[in-house]
Amino acid sequence: MSTPISAAATAYGDAARLLQDSAGGGITSGVEGAGKSDFSSMLAESVQGVVDSGNRADQISMDMVNGNGNVVDVVTAIAETELAVETMVTVRDRVISAYEEIMRMPI
C-alpha cells in the first residue's frame, strides 16, 4: 500500500508550516513540560543545519571559482553537505514508513 501523493504533499506542507512557525517562535508542542526539546524544534534545527551546510558549501565553491579557495576545502564541504542531505532523506523515509505502519494498525 503506497501513500497517496496528496497525503505526502500535505505532510510536506505541514512540515514547511512548522518550520516557518519555528522561525517566528510560534511553535507549541502541545505536551506540558516539553519545553524547547520537543520534536518539532529538533526537526527545525536539523533542517536548518542542512541548509547552513549547503550555504557554506556554496560559499566555499564560489571562493574557489574566484581563486581564493582550496580544492580540498570544496570537496570536504560538498561531502559534508551530501552526508547531511542523505541523513535527512533517511529520516524522512523512516518517518513516512512509521506513519504508514501506524495507519495500518487496527483501531
Protein backbone atom coordinates (compact mmCIF):
# COMPACT_ATOMS: atom_id res chain seq x y z
CA MET A 1 0.00 0.00 0.00
CA SER A 2 1.53 3.30 -1.01
CA THR A 3 0.91 6.74 0.39
CA PRO A 4 -1.26 8.89 -1.87
CA ILE A 5 0.53 11.85 -3.39
CA SER A 6 -1.93 14.27 -1.83
CA ALA A 7 -1.14 12.91 1.65
CA ALA A 8 2.59 13.30 1.03
CA ALA A 9 2.04 16.84 -0.27
CA THR A 10 0.00 17.65 2.82
CA ALA A 11 2.74 16.26 5.06
CA TYR A 12 5.37 18.36 3.32
CA GLY A 13 3.12 21.42 3.57
CA ASP A 14 2.65 20.81 7.30
CA ALA A 15 6.41 20.42 7.76
CA ALA A 16 7.04 23.66 5.88
CA ARG A 17 4.45 25.42 8.04
CA LEU A 18 6.10 24.08 11.18
CA LEU A 19 9.49 25.33 10.03
CA GLN A 20 8.05 28.73 9.22
CA ASP A 21 6.30 28.90 12.60
CA SER A 22 9.52 27.79 14.29
CA ALA A 23 11.41 30.65 12.68
CA GLY A 24 8.83 33.03 14.13
CA GLY A 25 8.87 31.34 17.52
CA GLY A 26 5.22 30.29 17.24
CA ILE A 27 5.54 26.55 17.81
CA THR A 28 3.96 24.98 20.84
CA SER A 29 4.42 21.30 21.46
CA GLY A 30 1.01 20.54 22.94
CA VAL A 31 2.75 18.48 25.64
CA GLU A 32 3.14 20.16 29.01
CA GLY A 33 6.70 20.40 30.23
CA ALA A 34 8.27 19.52 26.88
CA GLY A 35 9.90 22.92 26.63
CA LYS A 36 12.44 23.54 23.91
CA SER A 37 13.39 19.89 23.49
CA ASP A 38 10.27 18.93 21.53
CA PHE A 39 10.44 17.05 18.26
CA SER A 40 9.46 19.98 16.05
CA SER A 41 12.31 22.10 17.42
CA MET A 42 14.77 19.27 16.88
CA LEU A 43 13.50 18.80 13.33
CA ALA A 44 13.71 22.52 12.58
CA GLU A 45 17.27 22.68 13.91
CA SER A 46 18.26 19.67 11.82
CA VAL A 47 16.80 21.12 8.64
CA GLN A 48 18.46 24.46 9.36
CA GLY A 49 21.77 22.63 9.83
CA VAL A 50 21.41 21.06 6.38
CA VAL A 51 20.60 24.45 4.86
CA ASP A 52 23.59 26.04 6.61
CA SER A 53 25.85 23.25 5.40
CA GLY A 54 24.65 23.80 1.83
CA ASN A 55 25.18 27.55 2.10
CA ARG A 56 28.70 27.01 3.45
CA ALA A 57 29.50 24.63 0.57
CA ASP A 58 28.17 27.18 -1.91
CA GLN A 59 30.31 29.94 -0.39
CA ILE A 60 33.45 27.79 -0.40
CA SER A 61 32.75 26.79 -4.02
CA MET A 62 32.36 30.43 -5.02
CA ASP A 63 35.62 31.27 -3.27
CA MET A 64 37.28 28.53 -5.32
CA VAL A 65 35.82 29.91 -8.55
CA ASN A 66 37.13 33.36 -7.62
CA GLY A 67 40.60 31.91 -6.98
CA ASN A 68 40.53 32.28 -3.21
CA GLY A 69 39.69 28.72 -2.21
CA ASN A 70 41.28 25.34 -1.79
CA VAL A 71 40.12 22.23 -3.67
CA VAL A 72 40.30 20.11 -0.52
CA ASP A 73 38.00 22.55 1.32
CA VAL A 74 35.49 22.46 -1.54
CA VAL A 75 35.43 18.66 -1.69
CA THR A 76 35.12 18.41 2.10
CA ALA A 77 32.26 20.94 2.26
CA ILE A 78 30.38 19.22 -0.54
CA ALA A 79 30.86 15.80 1.07
CA GLU A 80 29.56 17.13 4.41
CA THR A 81 26.51 18.62 2.69
CA GLU A 82 25.87 15.40 0.81
CA LEU A 83 26.03 13.40 4.04
CA ALA A 84 23.65 15.83 5.78
CA VAL A 85 21.13 15.64 2.92
CA GLU A 86 21.32 11.84 2.80
CA THR A 87 20.74 11.71 6.55
CA MET A 88 17.68 13.96 6.30
CA VAL A 89 16.28 11.87 3.44
CA THR A 90 16.77 8.71 5.51
CA VAL A 91 14.99 10.29 8.48
CA ARG A 92 12.16 11.43 6.21
CA ASP A 93 11.80 7.92 4.77
CA ARG A 94 11.71 6.40 8.26
CA VAL A 95 9.06 8.89 9.42
CA ILE A 96 6.89 8.13 6.39
CA SER A 97 7.35 4.40 6.95
CA ALA A 98 6.34 4.76 10.60
CA TYR A 99 3.31 6.84 9.61
CA GLU A 100 2.22 4.20 7.09
CA GLU A 101 2.67 1.46 9.69
CA ILE A 102 0.58 3.38 12.22
CA MET A 103 -2.15 3.92 9.64
CA ARG A 104 -2.29 0.15 9.02
CA MET A 105 -2.84 -0.60 12.71
CA PRO A 106 -6.34 -1.78 13.62
CA ILE A 107 -8.30 0.52 15.87
